[in-house]
Amino acid sequence: NTERYIRIMVKAGADMVEIGIPFSDPTAEGPVIQEASTRALSTGVKINDIFDMVRRLRTGDDAVTIPLVFMTYLNP
Protein backbone atom coordinates (compact mmCIF):
# COMPACT_ATOMS: atom_id res chain seq x y z
CA ASN A 1 0.00 0.00 0.00
CA THR A 2 1.02 3.63 -0.41
CA GLU A 3 1.89 4.18 3.23
CA ARG A 4 4.30 1.24 3.20
CA TYR A 5 5.92 2.40 -0.05
CA ILE A 6 6.41 5.91 1.33
CA ARG A 7 8.20 4.47 4.36
CA ILE A 8 10.39 2.38 2.04
CA MET A 9 11.26 5.48 -0.01
CA VAL A 10 12.17 7.39 3.15
CA LYS A 11 14.42 4.57 4.36
CA ALA A 12 16.06 4.50 0.91
CA GLY A 13 16.98 8.18 1.29
CA ALA A 14 14.23 10.10 -0.50
CA ASP A 15 14.42 13.86 0.09
CA MET A 16 10.69 14.33 -0.45
CA VAL A 17 7.68 12.34 -1.65
CA GLU A 18 4.89 13.54 -3.91
CA ILE A 19 1.48 12.07 -3.08
CA GLY A 20 -1.07 12.19 -5.86
CA ILE A 21 -4.65 12.93 -4.91
CA PRO A 22 -6.82 11.04 -7.42
CA PHE A 23 -9.15 13.02 -9.64
CA SER A 24 -11.98 11.68 -11.78
CA ASP A 25 -11.01 13.49 -14.99
CA PRO A 26 -7.25 14.18 -15.12
CA THR A 27 -7.22 14.99 -18.84
CA ALA A 28 -3.98 17.01 -18.80
CA GLU A 29 -2.05 14.13 -17.23
CA GLY A 30 -0.23 11.35 -19.03
CA PRO A 31 -1.52 7.80 -19.23
CA VAL A 32 0.30 6.57 -16.10
CA ILE A 33 -1.18 9.26 -13.82
CA GLN A 34 -4.61 8.86 -15.44
CA GLU A 35 -4.55 5.11 -14.78
CA ALA A 36 -3.34 5.61 -11.22
CA SER A 37 -6.21 8.02 -10.53
CA THR A 38 -8.74 5.65 -12.07
CA ARG A 39 -7.43 2.71 -10.08
CA ALA A 40 -7.38 4.63 -6.79
CA LEU A 41 -10.90 5.95 -7.29
CA SER A 42 -12.18 2.48 -8.23
CA THR A 43 -11.07 1.22 -4.81
CA GLY A 44 -13.05 3.96 -3.08
CA VAL A 45 -10.16 6.19 -2.00
CA LYS A 46 -11.34 9.57 -0.71
CA ILE A 47 -9.30 12.67 0.06
CA ASN A 48 -9.83 12.17 3.81
CA ASP A 49 -8.26 8.70 3.48
CA ILE A 50 -5.14 10.37 2.11
CA PHE A 51 -5.10 12.95 4.92
CA ASP A 52 -5.51 10.14 7.47
CA MET A 53 -2.57 8.30 5.91
CA VAL A 54 -0.38 11.41 6.16
CA ARG A 55 -1.38 11.83 9.83
CA ARG A 56 -0.26 8.24 10.48
CA LEU A 57 3.00 8.85 8.63
CA ARG A 58 3.69 11.98 10.69
CA THR A 59 3.14 10.41 14.13
CA GLY A 60 4.85 7.80 16.28
CA ASP A 61 8.43 6.76 16.83
CA ASP A 62 8.90 6.11 13.11
CA ALA A 63 7.34 9.42 11.99
CA VAL A 64 8.21 10.54 8.47
CA THR A 65 9.88 13.95 8.65
CA ILE A 66 10.75 14.65 5.01
CA PRO A 67 8.44 16.91 2.99
CA LEU A 68 5.29 15.22 1.69
CA VAL A 69 3.88 17.19 -1.23
CA PHE A 70 0.38 16.77 -2.63
CA MET A 71 -0.15 16.63 -6.38
CA THR A 72 -3.67 17.88 -6.96
CA TYR A 73 -5.71 18.62 -10.02
CA LEU A 74 -8.21 21.22 -11.16
CA ASN A 75 -10.36 20.87 -14.23
CA PRO A 76 -12.64 23.92 -14.28
PDB file of N, CA and C in Angstrom:
ATOM      1  N   ASN A   1       0.829  -1.189   0.000  1.00  0.00           N
ATOM      2  CA  ASN A   1       0.000   0.000   0.000  1.00  0.00           C
ATOM      3  C   ASN A   1       0.872   1.249   0.000  1.00  0.00           C
ATOM      4  N   THR A   2       0.278   2.379  -0.252  1.00  0.00           N
ATOM      5  CA  THR A   2       1.016   3.632  -0.412  1.00  0.00           C
ATOM      6  C   THR A   2       1.804   3.993   0.833  1.00  0.00           C
ATOM      7  N   GLU A   3       1.195   3.830   1.984  1.00  0.00           N
ATOM      8  CA  GLU A   3       1.886   4.176   3.231  1.00  0.00           C
ATOM      9  C   GLU A   3       3.175   3.369   3.379  1.00  0.00           C
ATOM     10  N   ARG A   4       3.115   2.099   3.095  1.00  0.00           N
ATOM     11  CA  ARG A   4       4.297   1.239   3.198  1.00  0.00           C
ATOM     12  C   ARG A   4       5.365   1.672   2.193  1.00  0.00           C
ATOM     13  N   TYR A   5       4.952   1.983   0.970  1.00  0.00           N
ATOM     14  CA  TYR A   5       5.915   2.405  -0.050  1.00  0.00           C
ATOM     15  C   TYR A   5       6.572   3.735   0.304  1.00  0.00           C
ATOM     16  N   ILE A   6       5.818   4.639   0.905  1.00  0.00           N
ATOM     17  CA  ILE A   6       6.410   5.914   1.329  1.00  0.00           C
ATOM     18  C   ILE A   6       7.477   5.658   2.381  1.00  0.00           C
ATOM     19  N   ARG A   7       7.189   4.791   3.333  1.00  0.00           N
ATOM     20  CA  ARG A   7       8.197   4.473   4.361  1.00  0.00           C
ATOM     21  C   ARG A   7       9.444   3.833   3.735  1.00  0.00           C
ATOM     22  N   ILE A   8       9.258   2.996   2.743  1.00  0.00           N
ATOM     23  CA  ILE A   8      10.394   2.384   2.041  1.00  0.00           C
ATOM     24  C   ILE A   8      11.215   3.461   1.331  1.00  0.00           C
ATOM     25  N   MET A   9      10.543   4.404   0.675  1.00  0.00           N
ATOM     26  CA  MET A   9      11.256   5.485  -0.010  1.00  0.00           C
ATOM     27  C   MET A   9      12.059   6.332   0.970  1.00  0.00           C
ATOM     28  N   VAL A  10      11.465   6.610   2.133  1.00  0.00           N
ATOM     29  CA  VAL A  10      12.166   7.393   3.153  1.00  0.00           C
ATOM     30  C   VAL A  10      13.415   6.647   3.614  1.00  0.00           C
ATOM     31  N   LYS A  11      13.271   5.369   3.909  1.00  0.00           N
ATOM     32  CA  LYS A  11      14.425   4.575   4.357  1.00  0.00           C
ATOM     33  C   LYS A  11      15.502   4.475   3.286  1.00  0.00           C
ATOM     34  N   ALA A  12      15.100   4.562   2.018  1.00  0.00           N
ATOM     35  CA  ALA A  12      16.055   4.499   0.914  1.00  0.00           C
ATOM     36  C   ALA A  12      16.739   5.840   0.666  1.00  0.00           C
ATOM     37  N   GLY A  13      16.307   6.891   1.393  1.00  0.00           N
ATOM     38  CA  GLY A  13      16.977   8.180   1.286  1.00  0.00           C
ATOM     39  C   GLY A  13      16.256   9.253   0.499  1.00  0.00           C
ATOM     40  N   ALA A  14      14.971   9.073   0.235  1.00  0.00           N
ATOM     41  CA  ALA A  14      14.226  10.103  -0.498  1.00  0.00           C
ATOM     42  C   ALA A  14      14.269  11.427   0.254  1.00  0.00           C
ATOM     43  N   ASP A  15      14.413  12.521  -0.498  1.00  0.00           N
ATOM     44  CA  ASP A  15      14.422  13.861   0.094  1.00  0.00           C
ATOM     45  C   ASP A  15      13.019  14.409   0.280  1.00  0.00           C
ATOM     46  N   MET A  16      12.098  13.944  -0.536  1.00  0.00           N
ATOM     47  CA  MET A  16      10.686  14.327  -0.448  1.00  0.00           C
ATOM     48  C   MET A  16       9.884  13.302  -1.228  1.00  0.00           C
ATOM     49  N   VAL A  17       8.574  13.265  -0.945  1.00  0.00           N
ATOM     50  CA  VAL A  17       7.684  12.341  -1.653  1.00  0.00           C
ATOM     51  C   VAL A  17       6.459  13.119  -2.111  1.00  0.00           C
ATOM     52  N   GLU A  18       6.100  12.942  -3.366  1.00  0.00           N
ATOM     53  CA  GLU A  18       4.890  13.542  -3.914  1.00  0.00           C
ATOM     54  C   GLU A  18       3.764  12.519  -3.815  1.00  0.00           C
ATOM     55  N   ILE A  19       2.652  12.935  -3.241  1.00  0.00           N
ATOM     56  CA  ILE A  19       1.484  12.070  -3.081  1.00  0.00           C
ATOM     57  C   ILE A  19       0.384  12.597  -3.992  1.00  0.00           C
ATOM     58  N   GLY A  20      -0.014  11.781  -4.946  1.00  0.00           N
ATOM     59  CA  GLY A  20      -1.066  12.189  -5.863  1.00  0.00           C
ATOM     60  C   GLY A  20      -2.445  11.999  -5.258  1.00  0.00           C
ATOM     61  N   ILE A  21      -3.253  13.027  -5.341  1.00  0.00           N
ATOM     62  CA  ILE A  21      -4.648  12.932  -4.911  1.00  0.00           C
ATOM     63  C   ILE A  21      -5.468  12.612  -6.162  1.00  0.00           C
ATOM     64  N   PRO A  22      -6.120  11.455  -6.191  1.00  0.00           N
ATOM     65  CA  PRO A  22      -6.815  11.044  -7.419  1.00  0.00           C
ATOM     66  C   PRO A  22      -7.956  11.985  -7.789  1.00  0.00           C
ATOM     67  N   PHE A  23      -8.115  12.155  -9.092  1.00  0.00           N
ATOM     68  CA  PHE A  23      -9.149  13.025  -9.638  1.00  0.00           C
ATOM     69  C   PHE A  23      -9.874  12.257 -10.736  1.00  0.00           C
ATOM     70  N   SER A  24     -11.161  12.478 -10.863  1.00  0.00           N
ATOM     71  CA  SER A  24     -11.981  11.682 -11.781  1.00  0.00           C
ATOM     72  C   SER A  24     -11.752  11.982 -13.261  1.00  0.00           C
ATOM     73  N   ASP A  25     -11.181  13.129 -13.583  1.00  0.00           N
ATOM     74  CA  ASP A  25     -11.015  13.487 -14.994  1.00  0.00           C
ATOM     75  C   ASP A  25      -9.684  14.210 -15.218  1.00  0.00           C
ATOM     76  N   PRO A  26      -8.559  13.528 -15.007  1.00  0.00           N
ATOM     77  CA  PRO A  26      -7.247  14.184 -15.119  1.00  0.00           C
ATOM     78  C   PRO A  26      -6.761  14.265 -16.569  1.00  0.00           C
ATOM     79  N   THR A  27      -7.480  15.000 -17.401  1.00  0.00           N
ATOM     80  CA  THR A  27      -7.223  14.988 -18.844  1.00  0.00           C
ATOM     81  C   THR A  27      -5.874  15.572 -19.243  1.00  0.00           C
ATOM     82  N   ALA A  28      -5.281  16.423 -18.447  1.00  0.00           N
ATOM     83  CA  ALA A  28      -3.984  17.014 -18.803  1.00  0.00           C
ATOM     84  C   ALA A  28      -2.814  16.132 -18.379  1.00  0.00           C
ATOM     85  N   GLU A  29      -3.107  15.037 -17.702  1.00  0.00           N
ATOM     86  CA  GLU A  29      -2.049  14.133 -17.234  1.00  0.00           C
ATOM     87  C   GLU A  29      -1.746  13.073 -18.285  1.00  0.00           C
ATOM     88  N   GLY A  30      -0.602  12.450 -18.148  1.00  0.00           N
ATOM     89  CA  GLY A  30      -0.225  11.353 -19.032  1.00  0.00           C
ATOM     90  C   GLY A  30      -0.958  10.082 -18.652  1.00  0.00           C
ATOM     91  N   PRO A  31      -0.779   9.038 -19.446  1.00  0.00           N
ATOM     92  CA  PRO A  31      -1.525   7.796 -19.228  1.00  0.00           C
ATOM     93  C   PRO A  31      -1.240   7.117 -17.887  1.00  0.00           C
ATOM     94  N   VAL A  32      -0.030   7.231 -17.375  1.00  0.00           N
ATOM     95  CA  VAL A  32       0.296   6.571 -16.103  1.00  0.00           C
ATOM     96  C   VAL A  32      -0.468   7.222 -14.954  1.00  0.00           C
ATOM     97  N   ILE A  33      -0.459   8.545 -14.887  1.00  0.00           N
ATOM     98  CA  ILE A  33      -1.177   9.258 -13.818  1.00  0.00           C
ATOM     99  C   ILE A  33      -2.682   9.071 -13.985  1.00  0.00           C
ATOM    100  N   GLN A  34      -3.176   9.092 -15.215  1.00  0.00           N
ATOM    101  CA  GLN A  34      -4.605   8.859 -15.443  1.00  0.00           C
ATOM    102  C   GLN A  34      -5.018   7.487 -14.920  1.00  0.00           C
ATOM    103  N   GLU A  35      -4.234   6.461 -15.238  1.00  0.00           N
ATOM    104  CA  GLU A  35      -4.554   5.106 -14.784  1.00  0.00           C
ATOM    105  C   GLU A  35      -4.462   4.999 -13.267  1.00  0.00           C
ATOM    106  N   ALA A  36      -3.474   5.647 -12.675  1.00  0.00           N
ATOM    107  CA  ALA A  36      -3.337   5.612 -11.215  1.00  0.00           C
ATOM    108  C   ALA A  36      -4.551   6.250 -10.548  1.00  0.00           C
ATOM    109  N   SER A  37      -5.013   7.374 -11.081  1.00  0.00           N
ATOM    110  CA  SER A  37      -6.206   8.021 -10.529  1.00  0.00           C
ATOM    111  C   SER A  37      -7.427   7.125 -10.665  1.00  0.00           C
ATOM    112  N   THR A  38      -7.598   6.541 -11.841  1.00  0.00           N
ATOM    113  CA  THR A  38      -8.738   5.650 -12.075  1.00  0.00           C
ATOM    114  C   THR A  38      -8.710   4.470 -11.120  1.00  0.00           C
ATOM    115  N   ARG A  39      -7.542   3.874 -10.964  1.00  0.00           N
ATOM    116  CA  ARG A  39      -7.425   2.707 -10.084  1.00  0.00           C
ATOM    117  C   ARG A  39      -7.709   3.090  -8.631  1.00  0.00           C
ATOM    118  N   ALA A  40      -7.150   4.202  -8.175  1.00  0.00           N
ATOM    119  CA  ALA A  40      -7.377   4.625  -6.790  1.00  0.00           C
ATOM    120  C   ALA A  40      -8.856   4.907  -6.543  1.00  0.00           C
ATOM    121  N   LEU A  41      -9.483   5.626  -7.465  1.00  0.00           N
ATOM    122  CA  LEU A  41     -10.902   5.946  -7.287  1.00  0.00           C
ATOM    123  C   LEU A  41     -11.769   4.697  -7.338  1.00  0.00           C
ATOM    124  N   SER A  42     -11.383   3.711  -8.137  1.00  0.00           N
ATOM    125  CA  SER A  42     -12.181   2.483  -8.230  1.00  0.00           C
ATOM    126  C   SER A  42     -12.147   1.676  -6.937  1.00  0.00           C
ATOM    127  N   THR A  43     -11.136   1.909  -6.106  1.00  0.00           N
ATOM    128  CA  THR A  43     -11.068   1.219  -4.814  1.00  0.00           C
ATOM    129  C   THR A  43     -11.771   2.001  -3.713  1.00  0.00           C
ATOM    130  N   GLY A  44     -12.302   3.177  -4.059  1.00  0.00           N
ATOM    131  CA  GLY A  44     -13.050   3.959  -3.085  1.00  0.00           C
ATOM    132  C   GLY A  44     -12.230   4.957  -2.290  1.00  0.00           C
ATOM    133  N   VAL A  45     -11.011   5.233  -2.722  1.00  0.00           N
ATOM    134  CA  VAL A  45     -10.163   6.192  -2.003  1.00  0.00           C
ATOM    135  C   VAL A  45     -10.802   7.574  -2.027  1.00  0.00           C
ATOM    136  N   LYS A  46     -10.833   8.205  -0.869  1.00  0.00           N
ATOM    137  CA  LYS A  46     -11.343   9.572  -0.714  1.00  0.00           C
ATOM    138  C   LYS A  46     -10.215  10.451  -0.187  1.00  0.00           C
ATOM    139  N   ILE A  47     -10.353  11.750  -0.364  1.00  0.00           N
ATOM    140  CA  ILE A  47      -9.299  12.670   0.065  1.00  0.00           C
ATOM    141  C   ILE A  47      -9.026  12.554   1.566  1.00  0.00           C
ATOM    142  N   ASN A  48     -10.059  12.323   2.362  1.00  0.00           N
ATOM    143  CA  ASN A  48      -9.834  12.173   3.805  1.00  0.00           C
ATOM    144  C   ASN A  48      -9.014  10.928   4.126  1.00  0.00           C
ATOM    145  N   ASP A  49      -9.109   9.885   3.294  1.00  0.00           N
ATOM    146  CA  ASP A  49      -8.262   8.701   3.478  1.00  0.00           C
ATOM    147  C   ASP A  49      -6.792   9.075   3.309  1.00  0.00           C
ATOM    148  N   ILE A  50      -6.517   9.936   2.351  1.00  0.00           N
ATOM    149  CA  ILE A  50      -5.137  10.373   2.114  1.00  0.00           C
ATOM    150  C   ILE A  50      -4.648  11.216   3.283  1.00  0.00           C
ATOM    151  N   PHE A  51      -5.485  12.135   3.760  1.00  0.00           N
ATOM    152  CA  PHE A  51      -5.096  12.948   4.916  1.00  0.00           C
ATOM    153  C   PHE A  51      -4.858  12.069   6.143  1.00  0.00           C
ATOM    154  N   ASP A  52      -5.702  11.066   6.346  1.00  0.00           N
ATOM    155  CA  ASP A  52      -5.508  10.136   7.474  1.00  0.00           C
ATOM    156  C   ASP A  52      -4.181   9.395   7.349  1.00  0.00           C
ATOM    157  N   MET A  53      -3.838   8.981   6.131  1.00  0.00           N
ATOM    158  CA  MET A  53      -2.566   8.295   5.913  1.00  0.00           C
ATOM    159  C   MET A  53      -1.395   9.209   6.270  1.00  0.00           C
ATOM    160  N   VAL A  54      -1.464  10.465   5.853  1.00  0.00           N
ATOM    161  CA  VAL A  54      -0.383  11.405   6.165  1.00  0.00           C
ATOM    162  C   VAL A  54      -0.284  11.624   7.671  1.00  0.00           C
ATOM    163  N   ARG A  55      -1.421  11.698   8.357  1.00  0.00           N
ATOM    164  CA  ARG A  55      -1.379  11.825   9.830  1.00  0.00           C
ATOM    165  C   ARG A  55      -0.655  10.635  10.450  1.00  0.00           C
ATOM    166  N   ARG A  56      -0.948   9.427   9.964  1.00  0.00           N
ATOM    167  CA  ARG A  56      -0.257   8.239  10.485  1.00  0.00           C
ATOM    168  C   ARG A  56       1.238   8.304  10.188  1.00  0.00           C
ATOM    169  N   LEU A  57       1.584   8.751   8.992  1.00  0.00           N
ATOM    170  CA  LEU A  57       2.997   8.851   8.626  1.00  0.00           C
ATOM    171  C   LEU A  57       3.738   9.863   9.492  1.00  0.00           C
ATOM    172  N   ARG A  58       3.059  10.890   9.941  1.00  0.00           N
ATOM    173  CA  ARG A  58       3.692  11.978  10.689  1.00  0.00           C
ATOM    174  C   ARG A  58       3.752  11.736  12.196  1.00  0.00           C
ATOM    175  N   THR A  59       3.176  10.648  12.690  1.00  0.00           N
ATOM    176  CA  THR A  59       3.139  10.408  14.132  1.00  0.00           C
ATOM    177  C   THR A  59       3.893   9.136  14.499  1.00  0.00           C
ATOM    178  N   GLY A  60       4.212   9.013  15.767  1.00  0.00           N
ATOM    179  CA  GLY A  60       4.850   7.803  16.278  1.00  0.00           C
ATOM    180  C   GLY A  60       6.362   7.880  16.249  1.00  0.00           C
ATOM    181  N   ASP A  61       6.975   6.826  16.763  1.00  0.00           N
ATOM    182  CA  ASP A  61       8.435   6.762  16.831  1.00  0.00           C
ATOM    183  C   ASP A  61       9.081   6.713  15.450  1.00  0.00           C
ATOM    184  N   ASP A  62       8.359   6.211  14.468  1.00  0.00           N
ATOM    185  CA  ASP A  62       8.905   6.114  13.110  1.00  0.00           C
ATOM    186  C   ASP A  62       8.302   7.168  12.179  1.00  0.00           C
ATOM    187  N   ALA A  63       7.990   8.348  12.754  1.00  0.00           N
ATOM    188  CA  ALA A  63       7.344   9.416  11.990  1.00  0.00           C
ATOM    189  C   ALA A  63       8.201   9.836  10.797  1.00  0.00           C
ATOM    190  N   VAL A  64       7.552  10.049   9.684  1.00  0.00           N
ATOM    191  CA  VAL A  64       8.207  10.542   8.473  1.00  0.00           C
ATOM    192  C   VAL A  64       8.378  12.049   8.619  1.00  0.00           C
ATOM    193  N   THR A  65       9.604  12.524   8.445  1.00  0.00           N
ATOM    194  CA  THR A  65       9.878  13.948   8.652  1.00  0.00           C
ATOM    195  C   THR A  65      10.246  14.686   7.372  1.00  0.00           C
ATOM    196  N   ILE A  66      10.443  13.963   6.265  1.00  0.00           N
ATOM    197  CA  ILE A  66      10.750  14.649   5.010  1.00  0.00           C
ATOM    198  C   ILE A  66       9.482  15.311   4.476  1.00  0.00           C
ATOM    199  N   PRO A  67       9.625  16.281   3.566  1.00  0.00           N
ATOM    200  CA  PRO A  67       8.435  16.906   2.986  1.00  0.00           C
ATOM    201  C   PRO A  67       7.578  15.893   2.223  1.00  0.00           C
ATOM    202  N   LEU A  68       6.283  15.977   2.447  1.00  0.00           N
ATOM    203  CA  LEU A  68       5.289  15.216   1.689  1.00  0.00           C
ATOM    204  C   LEU A  68       4.468  16.251   0.927  1.00  0.00           C
ATOM    205  N   VAL A  69       4.505  16.182  -0.386  1.00  0.00           N
ATOM    206  CA  VAL A  69       3.885  17.194  -1.233  1.00  0.00           C
ATOM    207  C   VAL A  69       2.691  16.573  -1.949  1.00  0.00           C
ATOM    208  N   PHE A  70       1.558  17.263  -1.923  1.00  0.00           N
ATOM    209  CA  PHE A  70       0.377  16.770  -2.626  1.00  0.00           C
ATOM    210  C   PHE A  70       0.390  17.220  -4.082  1.00  0.00           C
ATOM    211  N   MET A  71       0.096  16.294  -4.982  1.00  0.00           N
ATOM    212  CA  MET A  71      -0.149  16.630  -6.378  1.00  0.00           C
ATOM    213  C   MET A  71      -1.669  16.621  -6.536  1.00  0.00           C
ATOM    214  N   THR A  72      -2.215  17.770  -6.810  1.00  0.00           N
ATOM    215  CA  THR A  72      -3.666  17.883  -6.958  1.00  0.00           C
ATOM    216  C   THR A  72      -3.999  18.260  -8.397  1.00  0.00           C
ATOM    217  N   TYR A  73      -5.264  18.390  -8.661  1.00  0.00           N
ATOM    218  CA  TYR A  73      -5.710  18.624 -10.021  1.00  0.00           C
ATOM    219  C   TYR A  73      -6.946  19.502 -10.007  1.00  0.00           C
ATOM    220  N   LEU A  74      -7.028  20.375 -10.988  1.00  0.00           N
ATOM    221  CA  LEU A  74      -8.210  21.215 -11.158  1.00  0.00           C
ATOM    222  C   LEU A  74      -8.600  21.179 -12.625  1.00  0.00           C
ATOM    223  N   ASN A  75      -9.840  20.892 -12.871  1.00  0.00           N
ATOM    224  CA  ASN A  75     -10.357  20.866 -14.231  1.00  0.00           C
ATOM    225  C   ASN A  75     -11.629  21.704 -14.239  1.00  0.00           C
ATOM    226  N   PRO A  76     -11.466  23.027 -14.408  1.00  0.00           N
ATOM    227  CA  PRO A  76     -12.638  23.918 -14.282  1.00  0.00           C
ATOM    228  C   PRO A  76     -13.674  23.727 -15.379  1.00  0.00           C
TER     229      PRO A  76
END
